Amino acid sequence: MMKRDSRDSTWWRLAPVCVNLLLGVPAIIPLYSAWLLLTEYRSCALDNSGFESHCGDVSVIEGAGWARLSLVIFGGLGLLSVLAVDVLFPLATGKRLRQWLSASLVIPVPCLLAITAFVVFN
């Protein structure tokens, strides 16, 4: 009978956290786009009337469009990857679903670290 190594079991407990931290790196793009829509482009965030609107100058209108587009595309792809990794993978392999879903709370950590570094060093 083989004895399980304690380091091996620690790795399997930390694997969901590590995988979700890696998912958080590309999640910076939709999170930053949402941040832009809520702060700088707030007046044009949900306005689809294009250049006929009165929500600001041309740079605000064009920036809000790109922010909306990146939020929808990269946010959708991010949600699909989180669904695949945190729900479908544990169900297919028999892993504990609660452990993977609770580890998904660390996805915004890389974005928060990037914002913190930007504020500190800028």
N, C-alpha and C. Protein backbone atom coordinates (compact mmCIF):
# COMPACT_ATOMS: atom_id res chain seq x y z
N MET A 1 0.84 -1.15 0.00
CA MET A 1 0.00 0.00 0.00
C MET A 1 0.90 1.24 0.00
N MET A 2 0.61 2.17 -0.91
CA MET A 2 1.42 3.38 -1.03
C MET A 2 0.88 4.45 -0.09
N LYS A 3 1.81 5.14 0.50
CA LYS A 3 1.44 6.22 1.39
C LYS A 3 1.43 7.53 0.59
N ARG A 4 0.41 8.33 0.78
CA ARG A 4 0.33 9.60 0.05
C ARG A 4 1.28 10.60 0.66
N ASP A 5 1.99 11.27 -0.21
CA ASP A 5 2.91 12.31 0.23
C ASP A 5 2.10 13.54 0.64
N SER A 6 2.48 14.17 1.75
CA SER A 6 1.74 15.34 2.22
C SER A 6 1.87 16.50 1.25
N ARG A 7 3.02 16.59 0.56
CA ARG A 7 3.19 17.67 -0.44
C ARG A 7 2.25 17.46 -1.61
N ASP A 8 2.03 16.22 -2.00
CA ASP A 8 1.13 15.92 -3.10
C ASP A 8 -0.30 16.31 -2.77
N SER A 9 -0.75 16.02 -1.58
CA SER A 9 -2.12 16.38 -1.21
C SER A 9 -2.28 17.89 -1.05
N THR A 10 -1.21 18.57 -0.62
CA THR A 10 -1.26 20.03 -0.53
C THR A 10 -1.38 20.64 -1.91
N TRP A 11 -0.66 20.07 -2.88
CA TRP A 11 -0.75 20.59 -4.25
C TRP A 11 -2.17 20.44 -4.78
N TRP A 12 -2.80 19.31 -4.55
CA TRP A 12 -4.15 19.12 -5.07
C TRP A 12 -5.17 20.00 -4.38
N ARG A 13 -4.89 20.40 -3.14
CA ARG A 13 -5.78 21.35 -2.48
C ARG A 13 -5.57 22.76 -3.00
N LEU A 14 -4.35 23.08 -3.42
CA LEU A 14 -4.06 24.43 -3.92
C LEU A 14 -4.22 24.55 -5.44
N ALA A 15 -4.42 23.45 -6.13
CA ALA A 15 -4.55 23.48 -7.59
C ALA A 15 -5.70 24.37 -8.06
N PRO A 16 -6.89 24.32 -7.45
CA PRO A 16 -7.96 25.22 -7.91
C PRO A 16 -7.60 26.69 -7.75
N VAL A 17 -6.91 27.03 -6.67
CA VAL A 17 -6.53 28.43 -6.45
C VAL A 17 -5.52 28.86 -7.51
N CYS A 18 -4.53 28.01 -7.80
CA CYS A 18 -3.52 28.35 -8.81
C CYS A 18 -4.15 28.50 -10.20
N VAL A 19 -5.04 27.59 -10.55
CA VAL A 19 -5.68 27.65 -11.86
C VAL A 19 -6.54 28.91 -11.98
N ASN A 20 -7.26 29.25 -10.93
CA ASN A 20 -8.10 30.44 -10.98
C ASN A 20 -7.29 31.72 -10.95
N LEU A 21 -6.13 31.71 -10.32
CA LEU A 21 -5.24 32.87 -10.41
C LEU A 21 -4.75 33.05 -11.84
N LEU A 22 -4.46 31.94 -12.52
CA LEU A 22 -4.06 32.03 -13.93
C LEU A 22 -5.21 32.52 -14.81
N LEU A 23 -6.44 32.14 -14.47
CA LEU A 23 -7.60 32.66 -15.20
C LEU A 23 -7.80 34.15 -14.94
N GLY A 24 -7.32 34.63 -13.82
CA GLY A 24 -7.47 36.04 -13.48
C GLY A 24 -6.59 36.96 -14.29
N VAL A 25 -5.50 36.44 -14.86
CA VAL A 25 -4.61 37.29 -15.65
C VAL A 25 -5.30 37.79 -16.92
N PRO A 26 -5.90 36.94 -17.76
CA PRO A 26 -6.63 37.49 -18.91
C PRO A 26 -7.94 38.18 -18.51
N ALA A 27 -8.42 37.92 -17.30
CA ALA A 27 -9.65 38.58 -16.84
C ALA A 27 -9.42 40.06 -16.53
N ILE A 28 -8.16 40.49 -16.57
CA ILE A 28 -7.86 41.90 -16.35
C ILE A 28 -8.51 42.76 -17.44
N ILE A 29 -8.57 42.25 -18.66
CA ILE A 29 -9.10 43.03 -19.79
C ILE A 29 -10.58 43.37 -19.59
N PRO A 30 -11.48 42.40 -19.35
CA PRO A 30 -12.88 42.82 -19.14
C PRO A 30 -13.10 43.58 -17.84
N LEU A 31 -12.32 43.27 -16.80
CA LEU A 31 -12.48 44.01 -15.55
C LEU A 31 -12.06 45.46 -15.73
N TYR A 32 -10.98 45.70 -16.47
CA TYR A 32 -10.55 47.07 -16.73
C TYR A 32 -11.55 47.79 -17.64
N SER A 33 -12.11 47.07 -18.60
CA SER A 33 -13.12 47.68 -19.46
C SER A 33 -14.36 48.07 -18.66
N ALA A 34 -14.76 47.22 -17.74
CA ALA A 34 -15.89 47.56 -16.88
C ALA A 34 -15.56 48.77 -16.01
N TRP A 35 -14.33 48.83 -15.52
CA TRP A 35 -13.89 49.98 -14.72
C TRP A 35 -13.95 51.26 -15.55
N LEU A 36 -13.50 51.20 -16.80
CA LEU A 36 -13.56 52.38 -17.67
C LEU A 36 -15.00 52.82 -17.93
N LEU A 37 -15.88 51.85 -18.16
CA LEU A 37 -17.28 52.19 -18.41
C LEU A 37 -17.95 52.79 -17.19
N LEU A 38 -17.51 52.41 -16.02
CA LEU A 38 -18.11 52.95 -14.80
C LEU A 38 -17.52 54.27 -14.36
N THR A 39 -16.33 54.62 -14.87
CA THR A 39 -15.67 55.85 -14.43
C THR A 39 -15.55 56.85 -15.56
N GLU A 40 -14.62 56.64 -16.47
CA GLU A 40 -14.33 57.64 -17.50
C GLU A 40 -15.41 57.77 -18.56
N TYR A 41 -16.00 56.65 -18.96
CA TYR A 41 -16.99 56.67 -20.04
C TYR A 41 -18.41 56.50 -19.51
N ARG A 42 -18.64 56.94 -18.29
CA ARG A 42 -19.95 56.74 -17.67
C ARG A 42 -21.08 57.38 -18.48
N SER A 43 -20.83 58.53 -19.05
CA SER A 43 -21.90 59.21 -19.79
C SER A 43 -22.26 58.49 -21.08
N CYS A 44 -21.33 57.73 -21.64
CA CYS A 44 -21.59 57.01 -22.89
C CYS A 44 -21.65 55.51 -22.70
N ALA A 45 -21.68 55.02 -21.50
CA ALA A 45 -21.58 53.59 -21.25
C ALA A 45 -22.70 52.80 -21.93
N LEU A 46 -23.92 53.27 -21.84
CA LEU A 46 -25.04 52.53 -22.41
C LEU A 46 -25.70 53.27 -23.57
N ASP A 47 -25.07 54.32 -24.06
CA ASP A 47 -25.63 55.12 -25.14
C ASP A 47 -25.18 54.54 -26.47
N ASN A 48 -26.09 54.07 -27.30
CA ASN A 48 -25.76 53.46 -28.59
C ASN A 48 -26.08 54.36 -29.77
N SER A 49 -26.30 55.64 -29.54
CA SER A 49 -26.71 56.50 -30.64
C SER A 49 -25.53 57.00 -31.47
N GLY A 50 -24.32 56.63 -31.14
CA GLY A 50 -23.16 56.99 -31.94
C GLY A 50 -22.80 58.45 -31.83
N PHE A 51 -22.43 59.05 -32.95
CA PHE A 51 -21.97 60.43 -32.94
C PHE A 51 -23.10 61.45 -32.81
N GLU A 52 -24.32 60.99 -32.81
CA GLU A 52 -25.46 61.88 -32.64
C GLU A 52 -25.72 62.18 -31.16
N SER A 53 -25.03 61.49 -30.27
CA SER A 53 -25.30 61.64 -28.85
C SER A 53 -24.60 62.88 -28.29
N HIS A 54 -25.00 63.24 -27.11
CA HIS A 54 -24.42 64.39 -26.42
C HIS A 54 -23.71 63.94 -25.16
N CYS A 55 -22.95 62.86 -25.25
CA CYS A 55 -22.32 62.33 -24.05
C CYS A 55 -20.85 62.74 -23.95
N GLY A 56 -20.37 63.55 -24.83
CA GLY A 56 -18.98 63.99 -24.73
C GLY A 56 -18.36 64.15 -26.09
N ASP A 57 -17.06 64.33 -26.08
CA ASP A 57 -16.36 64.51 -27.36
C ASP A 57 -16.15 63.16 -28.04
N VAL A 58 -15.48 63.19 -29.20
CA VAL A 58 -15.33 62.00 -30.02
C VAL A 58 -14.51 60.92 -29.31
N SER A 59 -13.49 61.31 -28.55
CA SER A 59 -12.68 60.30 -27.88
C SER A 59 -13.47 59.52 -26.84
N VAL A 60 -14.40 60.17 -26.17
CA VAL A 60 -15.23 59.48 -25.18
C VAL A 60 -16.18 58.51 -25.87
N ILE A 61 -16.77 58.94 -26.99
CA ILE A 61 -17.70 58.09 -27.72
C ILE A 61 -16.98 56.85 -28.27
N GLU A 62 -15.81 57.05 -28.89
CA GLU A 62 -15.07 55.93 -29.45
C GLU A 62 -14.51 55.03 -28.35
N GLY A 63 -14.03 55.61 -27.27
CA GLY A 63 -13.51 54.82 -26.17
C GLY A 63 -14.56 53.97 -25.52
N ALA A 64 -15.75 54.51 -25.37
CA ALA A 64 -16.83 53.74 -24.76
C ALA A 64 -17.21 52.56 -25.65
N GLY A 65 -17.16 52.75 -26.95
CA GLY A 65 -17.47 51.65 -27.86
C GLY A 65 -16.48 50.51 -27.74
N TRP A 66 -15.19 50.85 -27.70
CA TRP A 66 -14.16 49.82 -27.54
C TRP A 66 -14.24 49.15 -26.19
N ALA A 67 -14.55 49.91 -25.17
CA ALA A 67 -14.67 49.33 -23.83
C ALA A 67 -15.86 48.37 -23.76
N ARG A 68 -16.98 48.75 -24.38
CA ARG A 68 -18.14 47.85 -24.41
C ARG A 68 -17.83 46.58 -25.19
N LEU A 69 -17.18 46.74 -26.33
CA LEU A 69 -16.85 45.58 -27.17
C LEU A 69 -15.90 44.63 -26.45
N SER A 70 -14.87 45.15 -25.82
CA SER A 70 -13.93 44.27 -25.12
C SER A 70 -14.58 43.64 -23.90
N LEU A 71 -15.47 44.37 -23.25
CA LEU A 71 -16.18 43.79 -22.10
C LEU A 71 -17.05 42.62 -22.54
N VAL A 72 -17.76 42.76 -23.65
CA VAL A 72 -18.64 41.70 -24.11
C VAL A 72 -17.83 40.50 -24.62
N ILE A 73 -16.83 40.75 -25.46
CA ILE A 73 -16.09 39.64 -26.06
C ILE A 73 -15.22 38.93 -25.03
N PHE A 74 -14.33 39.68 -24.37
CA PHE A 74 -13.42 39.04 -23.43
C PHE A 74 -14.13 38.60 -22.15
N GLY A 75 -15.15 39.33 -21.75
CA GLY A 75 -15.93 38.90 -20.60
C GLY A 75 -16.68 37.61 -20.87
N GLY A 76 -17.24 37.49 -22.07
CA GLY A 76 -17.93 36.26 -22.44
C GLY A 76 -17.00 35.07 -22.51
N LEU A 77 -15.83 35.28 -23.12
CA LEU A 77 -14.84 34.20 -23.18
C LEU A 77 -14.34 33.83 -21.79
N GLY A 78 -14.19 34.84 -20.94
CA GLY A 78 -13.76 34.57 -19.57
C GLY A 78 -14.80 33.77 -18.79
N LEU A 79 -16.06 34.14 -18.96
CA LEU A 79 -17.12 33.39 -18.27
C LEU A 79 -17.21 31.95 -18.77
N LEU A 80 -17.00 31.75 -20.08
CA LEU A 80 -17.00 30.39 -20.60
C LEU A 80 -15.83 29.57 -20.06
N SER A 81 -14.66 30.19 -19.93
CA SER A 81 -13.52 29.46 -19.39
C SER A 81 -13.71 29.16 -17.91
N VAL A 82 -14.30 30.09 -17.16
CA VAL A 82 -14.58 29.83 -15.74
C VAL A 82 -15.61 28.71 -15.61
N LEU A 83 -16.62 28.71 -16.46
CA LEU A 83 -17.61 27.64 -16.45
C LEU A 83 -16.97 26.29 -16.75
N ALA A 84 -16.08 26.27 -17.74
CA ALA A 84 -15.43 25.02 -18.11
C ALA A 84 -14.50 24.52 -17.00
N VAL A 85 -13.72 25.42 -16.43
CA VAL A 85 -12.72 25.01 -15.44
C VAL A 85 -13.33 24.75 -14.08
N ASP A 86 -14.22 25.60 -13.63
CA ASP A 86 -14.71 25.52 -12.25
C ASP A 86 -15.99 24.70 -12.09
N VAL A 87 -16.69 24.41 -13.17
CA VAL A 87 -17.92 23.63 -13.05
C VAL A 87 -17.83 22.32 -13.82
N LEU A 88 -17.53 22.41 -15.11
CA LEU A 88 -17.55 21.20 -15.94
C LEU A 88 -16.39 20.25 -15.64
N PHE A 89 -15.19 20.79 -15.42
CA PHE A 89 -14.04 19.93 -15.12
C PHE A 89 -14.24 19.14 -13.83
N PRO A 90 -14.62 19.78 -12.72
CA PRO A 90 -14.83 18.98 -11.51
C PRO A 90 -15.96 17.96 -11.64
N LEU A 91 -17.02 18.31 -12.36
CA LEU A 91 -18.12 17.36 -12.54
C LEU A 91 -17.69 16.17 -13.37
N ALA A 92 -16.85 16.40 -14.40
CA ALA A 92 -16.42 15.32 -15.27
C ALA A 92 -15.39 14.42 -14.61
N THR A 93 -14.56 14.98 -13.74
CA THR A 93 -13.48 14.18 -13.13
C THR A 93 -13.81 13.69 -11.73
N GLY A 94 -14.91 14.10 -11.18
CA GLY A 94 -15.29 13.66 -9.84
C GLY A 94 -14.62 14.44 -8.72
N LYS A 95 -14.05 15.59 -9.04
CA LYS A 95 -13.43 16.43 -8.01
C LYS A 95 -14.53 17.14 -7.22
N ARG A 96 -14.13 17.75 -6.11
CA ARG A 96 -15.08 18.46 -5.27
C ARG A 96 -15.45 19.80 -5.92
N LEU A 97 -16.72 19.95 -6.23
CA LEU A 97 -17.19 21.15 -6.91
C LEU A 97 -17.09 22.38 -6.00
N ARG A 98 -17.37 22.22 -4.73
CA ARG A 98 -17.33 23.35 -3.79
C ARG A 98 -15.93 23.95 -3.68
N GLN A 99 -14.92 23.10 -3.73
CA GLN A 99 -13.54 23.59 -3.65
C GLN A 99 -13.19 24.43 -4.87
N TRP A 100 -13.61 24.01 -6.05
CA TRP A 100 -13.30 24.76 -7.27
C TRP A 100 -14.11 26.06 -7.34
N LEU A 101 -15.38 25.99 -6.94
CA LEU A 101 -16.21 27.20 -6.97
C LEU A 101 -15.75 28.24 -5.95
N SER A 102 -15.33 27.80 -4.79
CA SER A 102 -14.84 28.76 -3.80
C SER A 102 -13.49 29.34 -4.22
N ALA A 103 -12.70 28.59 -4.95
CA ALA A 103 -11.42 29.10 -5.44
C ALA A 103 -11.61 30.13 -6.55
N SER A 104 -12.77 30.16 -7.16
CA SER A 104 -13.01 31.15 -8.22
C SER A 104 -13.09 32.57 -7.67
N LEU A 105 -13.14 32.71 -6.36
CA LEU A 105 -13.15 34.04 -5.75
C LEU A 105 -11.81 34.77 -5.91
N VAL A 106 -10.75 34.05 -6.27
CA VAL A 106 -9.44 34.69 -6.43
C VAL A 106 -9.22 35.20 -7.86
N ILE A 107 -10.19 35.08 -8.73
CA ILE A 107 -10.01 35.53 -10.11
C ILE A 107 -9.73 37.03 -10.20
N PRO A 108 -10.38 37.90 -9.44
CA PRO A 108 -10.06 39.34 -9.55
C PRO A 108 -8.76 39.76 -8.88
N VAL A 109 -8.07 38.87 -8.19
CA VAL A 109 -6.85 39.25 -7.47
C VAL A 109 -5.77 39.82 -8.38
N PRO A 110 -5.46 39.22 -9.55
CA PRO A 110 -4.43 39.85 -10.41
C PRO A 110 -4.81 41.26 -10.87
N CYS A 111 -6.08 41.50 -11.12
CA CYS A 111 -6.51 42.84 -11.51
C CYS A 111 -6.34 43.82 -10.35
N LEU A 112 -6.70 43.40 -9.16
CA LEU A 112 -6.53 44.26 -7.99
C LEU A 112 -5.06 44.54 -7.72
N LEU A 113 -4.19 43.55 -7.93
CA LEU A 113 -2.76 43.76 -7.78
C LEU A 113 -2.23 44.74 -8.82
N ALA A 114 -2.71 44.63 -10.05
CA ALA A 114 -2.28 45.55 -11.11
C ALA A 114 -2.73 46.98 -10.81
N ILE A 115 -3.95 47.14 -10.35
CA ILE A 115 -4.45 48.48 -10.00
C ILE A 115 -3.66 49.05 -8.83
N THR A 116 -3.38 48.22 -7.83
CA THR A 116 -2.60 48.67 -6.69
C THR A 116 -1.19 49.09 -7.10
N ALA A 117 -0.56 48.29 -7.95
CA ALA A 117 0.78 48.64 -8.42
C ALA A 117 0.77 49.92 -9.23
N PHE A 118 -0.27 50.11 -10.04
CA PHE A 118 -0.37 51.31 -10.84
C PHE A 118 -0.53 52.54 -9.94
N VAL A 119 -1.34 52.42 -8.91
CA VAL A 119 -1.57 53.55 -8.00
C VAL A 119 -0.30 53.85 -7.19
N VAL A 120 0.39 52.84 -6.75
CA VAL A 120 1.58 53.04 -5.92
C VAL A 120 2.72 53.62 -6.74
N PHE A 121 2.94 53.10 -7.93
CA PHE A 121 4.11 53.51 -8.70
C PHE A 121 3.85 54.62 -9.69
N ASN A 122 2.64 55.11 -9.77
CA ASN A 122 2.36 56.18 -10.72
C ASN A 122 2.14 57.48 -10.04
